[in-house]
Amino acid sequence: MKREWEKAIATRTRSVSSASRDITATMRFLEKNRSYLIGATAEQQVVDVLSEMPDDYHIMSGVDLHRFDTAYWWRKKDEIRFQQIDPVVIGPTGLFLIGTKNWSGADIELKTGDIKRQVRIATQALWLSMKDEYRFYERNPKIRCIIVSLRGSHPDLRINKDIDVITLDRLAEHITNREKILSPMNVERLTHVISFNEAR
């Protein structure tokens, strides 16, 4: 009886030790990937807000654009053969590239250089994927870039004339309250073009 009891204690000790190692490993994994988890959560918040927009707006999340011809910025060697893009919104008021930052407005102001570079590369990749389609429009839909600051931003914060910085609660109205420049047919056409290039 004593021997069985000792075996039970030994087994339980090993189980506790194993569980402890598993918990430690899990904590290390979570800490190591904390920034990715936060980023994924932040992007999901943005997608949730965008999904509540009117039906005539198309939300394309995590667009992967494959380029068979390597393209470079004329001053910097920023290769954009492959570029994953944050949510793209296409609707009556235009074409919008949405970036998500879990930063404060002050942090964004300090990191404008990095943000501008990210936006330039993403915008160029998106434009290259659909530039042949532009000739069909009387008013070419300029790609508008929006940075969503999840930790707040003052209303007048802009990185430059082409990049708006707004809070999550203002995102939908910032898109829908603009002048309508695309017909329903052109919205569908652009959505199809981006989807086609993504799937190639």
Protein backbone atom coordinates (compact mmCIF):
# COMPACT_ATOMS: atom_id res chain seq x y z
CA MET A 1 0.00 0.00 0.00
CA LYS A 2 2.84 2.33 0.92
CA ARG A 3 4.62 1.58 -2.35
CA GLU A 4 1.49 2.37 -4.37
CA TRP A 5 1.09 5.61 -2.47
CA GLU A 6 4.71 6.57 -3.19
CA LYS A 7 4.19 5.79 -6.88
CA ALA A 8 1.07 7.95 -6.95
CA ILE A 9 2.97 10.84 -5.32
CA ALA A 10 5.85 10.44 -7.77
CA THR A 11 3.46 10.41 -10.74
CA ARG A 12 1.67 13.48 -9.45
CA THR A 13 4.99 15.27 -8.93
CA ARG A 14 6.02 14.53 -12.51
CA SER A 15 2.62 15.72 -13.77
CA VAL A 16 2.92 18.99 -11.84
CA SER A 17 6.48 19.44 -13.07
CA SER A 18 5.43 18.77 -16.66
CA ALA A 19 2.48 21.15 -16.37
CA SER A 20 4.78 23.79 -14.92
CA ARG A 21 7.13 23.43 -17.88
CA ASP A 22 4.18 23.69 -20.28
CA ILE A 23 2.93 26.85 -18.57
CA THR A 24 6.42 28.36 -18.62
CA ALA A 25 6.80 27.53 -22.31
CA THR A 26 3.38 29.03 -23.05
CA MET A 27 4.23 32.22 -21.16
CA ARG A 28 7.51 32.53 -23.06
CA PHE A 29 5.70 32.05 -26.36
CA LEU A 30 3.09 34.67 -25.49
CA GLU A 31 5.73 37.16 -24.37
CA LYS A 32 7.83 36.54 -27.47
CA ASN A 33 4.84 37.02 -29.76
CA ARG A 34 3.09 39.70 -27.73
CA SER A 35 3.46 42.40 -30.37
CA TYR A 36 1.99 40.14 -33.06
CA LEU A 37 -0.97 39.21 -30.86
CA ILE A 38 -1.64 42.86 -30.05
CA GLY A 39 -1.38 43.75 -33.73
CA ALA A 40 -3.80 41.00 -34.75
CA THR A 41 -6.30 42.12 -32.11
CA ALA A 42 -6.01 45.73 -33.23
CA GLU A 43 -6.56 44.84 -36.88
CA GLN A 44 -9.58 42.74 -35.97
CA GLN A 45 -11.11 45.75 -34.19
CA VAL A 46 -10.73 47.75 -37.40
CA VAL A 47 -12.25 44.98 -39.52
CA ASP A 48 -15.20 44.75 -37.10
CA VAL A 49 -15.92 48.46 -37.51
CA LEU A 50 -15.57 48.32 -41.29
CA SER A 51 -17.92 45.35 -41.51
CA GLU A 52 -20.73 47.59 -40.18
CA MET A 53 -20.46 49.96 -43.14
CA PRO A 54 -23.19 50.13 -45.83
CA ASP A 55 -23.48 47.25 -48.29
CA ASP A 56 -22.17 49.30 -51.22
CA TYR A 57 -18.70 49.29 -49.61
CA HIS A 58 -16.44 46.29 -50.14
CA ILE A 59 -13.96 45.35 -47.42
CA MET A 60 -10.93 43.31 -48.48
CA SER A 61 -8.80 42.24 -45.53
CA GLY A 62 -5.18 41.10 -45.77
CA VAL A 63 -4.83 41.58 -49.53
CA ASP A 64 -1.78 39.73 -50.89
CA LEU A 65 -0.49 41.23 -54.11
CA HIS A 66 2.01 39.16 -56.08
CA ARG A 67 4.15 41.03 -58.57
CA PHE A 68 5.84 39.05 -61.31
CA ASP A 69 7.95 42.03 -62.36
CA THR A 70 10.12 43.54 -59.64
CA ALA A 71 9.43 47.25 -59.11
CA TYR A 72 11.54 49.73 -57.17
CA TRP A 73 11.07 53.23 -55.90
CA TRP A 74 13.17 55.50 -58.06
CA ARG A 75 15.25 56.75 -55.10
CA LYS A 76 15.13 53.82 -52.69
CA LYS A 77 15.59 50.12 -53.23
CA ASP A 78 12.25 49.19 -51.73
CA GLU A 79 11.35 46.01 -53.54
CA ILE A 80 7.63 45.41 -53.79
CA ARG A 81 7.50 42.12 -55.65
CA PHE A 82 5.27 40.89 -52.83
CA GLN A 83 3.35 43.06 -50.43
CA GLN A 84 0.65 42.24 -47.92
CA ILE A 85 -1.77 45.08 -47.45
CA ASP A 86 -3.99 45.94 -44.51
CA PRO A 87 -7.74 46.24 -45.17
CA VAL A 88 -8.65 47.85 -48.48
CA VAL A 89 -12.04 49.56 -48.70
CA ILE A 90 -13.71 50.23 -52.05
CA GLY A 91 -16.98 52.13 -52.24
CA PRO A 92 -18.84 55.09 -53.75
CA THR A 93 -16.53 57.59 -52.02
CA GLY A 94 -13.32 56.04 -53.34
CA LEU A 95 -10.53 53.60 -52.66
CA PHE A 96 -9.00 53.50 -49.17
CA LEU A 97 -5.96 51.76 -47.79
CA ILE A 98 -6.30 51.30 -44.02
CA GLY A 99 -3.34 50.96 -41.67
CA THR A 100 -3.71 50.09 -37.99
CA LYS A 101 -1.35 51.31 -35.27
CA ASN A 102 -1.67 50.49 -31.60
CA TRP A 103 0.09 53.78 -30.85
CA SER A 104 -0.87 57.16 -29.46
CA GLY A 105 -1.00 60.24 -31.63
CA ALA A 106 2.31 61.37 -30.13
CA ASP A 107 3.96 58.06 -31.05
CA ILE A 108 2.74 58.41 -34.62
CA GLU A 109 4.19 61.90 -34.88
CA LEU A 110 7.57 60.54 -33.74
CA LYS A 111 7.49 57.71 -36.30
CA THR A 112 6.22 59.53 -39.36
CA GLY A 113 9.23 58.46 -41.44
CA ASP A 114 8.55 54.75 -40.98
CA ILE A 115 4.82 55.19 -41.58
CA LYS A 116 5.37 57.18 -44.79
CA ARG A 117 7.65 54.46 -46.14
CA GLN A 118 5.16 51.69 -45.30
CA VAL A 119 2.34 53.64 -46.93
CA ARG A 120 4.39 54.40 -50.05
CA ILE A 121 5.25 50.74 -50.61
CA ALA A 122 1.70 49.51 -49.96
CA THR A 123 0.16 52.23 -52.15
CA GLN A 124 2.56 51.52 -55.00
CA ALA A 125 1.87 47.78 -54.81
CA LEU A 126 -1.87 48.39 -54.90
CA TRP A 127 -1.63 50.89 -57.75
CA LEU A 128 0.57 48.60 -59.86
CA SER A 129 -1.98 45.82 -59.49
CA MET A 130 -4.74 47.88 -61.06
CA LYS A 131 -3.07 50.65 -63.09
CA ASP A 132 -4.32 49.20 -66.39
CA GLU A 133 -7.88 49.56 -65.09
CA TYR A 134 -7.55 53.31 -64.48
CA ARG A 135 -8.11 54.23 -68.12
CA PHE A 136 -11.78 53.26 -67.77
CA TYR A 137 -12.56 56.05 -65.31
CA GLU A 138 -13.32 59.68 -66.02
CA ARG A 139 -12.20 60.48 -62.47
CA ASN A 140 -9.34 58.25 -61.44
CA PRO A 141 -9.94 57.05 -57.88
CA LYS A 142 -6.92 58.26 -55.94
CA ILE A 143 -5.82 55.83 -53.24
CA ARG A 144 -6.53 57.48 -49.90
CA CYS A 145 -4.48 56.24 -46.93
CA ILE A 146 -5.89 56.21 -43.42
CA ILE A 147 -3.93 55.36 -40.28
CA VAL A 148 -6.17 54.26 -37.40
CA SER A 149 -4.64 55.19 -34.05
CA LEU A 150 -6.16 52.96 -31.37
CA ARG A 151 -4.71 54.99 -28.50
CA GLY A 152 -6.14 58.29 -29.57
CA SER A 153 -5.23 61.16 -31.86
CA HIS A 154 -6.01 64.86 -31.98
CA PRO A 155 -8.40 65.80 -34.83
CA ASP A 156 -5.88 67.83 -36.84
CA LEU A 157 -3.10 65.24 -36.92
CA ARG A 158 -1.99 64.45 -40.47
CA ILE A 159 1.28 62.86 -41.56
CA ASN A 160 0.99 64.58 -44.93
CA LYS A 161 -1.74 65.64 -47.36
CA ASP A 162 -2.34 62.04 -48.48
CA ILE A 163 -2.30 60.26 -45.10
CA ASP A 164 -5.03 60.89 -42.53
CA VAL A 165 -4.66 59.83 -38.88
CA ILE A 166 -7.94 59.16 -37.09
CA THR A 167 -9.38 57.25 -34.14
CA LEU A 168 -11.33 54.02 -34.51
CA ASP A 169 -14.70 55.58 -33.65
CA ARG A 170 -14.36 58.05 -36.56
CA LEU A 171 -13.23 55.54 -39.18
CA ALA A 172 -16.55 54.69 -40.85
CA GLU A 173 -17.82 58.27 -41.10
CA HIS A 174 -14.42 59.45 -42.35
CA ILE A 175 -14.89 57.15 -45.34
CA THR A 176 -18.62 57.45 -46.01
CA ASN A 177 -18.98 61.24 -45.55
CA ARG A 178 -16.85 62.06 -48.60
CA GLU A 179 -17.99 63.03 -52.08
CA LYS A 180 -19.14 60.06 -54.16
CA ILE A 181 -16.78 59.51 -57.09
CA LEU A 182 -17.37 55.87 -58.12
CA SER A 183 -20.46 54.33 -59.69
CA PRO A 184 -21.68 50.93 -58.46
CA MET A 185 -20.29 49.36 -61.66
CA ASN A 186 -16.84 50.86 -61.10
CA VAL A 187 -16.82 49.76 -57.46
CA GLU A 188 -17.52 46.20 -58.58
CA ARG A 189 -14.91 46.42 -61.33
CA LEU A 190 -12.14 47.62 -59.01
CA THR A 191 -13.04 44.97 -56.45
CA HIS A 192 -12.79 42.32 -59.14
CA VAL A 193 -9.43 43.61 -60.42
CA ILE A 194 -7.83 43.57 -56.97
CA SER A 195 -9.26 40.14 -56.20
CA PHE A 196 -7.96 38.79 -59.53
CA ASN A 197 -4.43 40.13 -59.01
CA GLU A 198 -4.42 38.78 -55.46
CA ALA A 199 -5.27 35.28 -56.68
CA ARG A 200 -2.68 35.10 -59.46
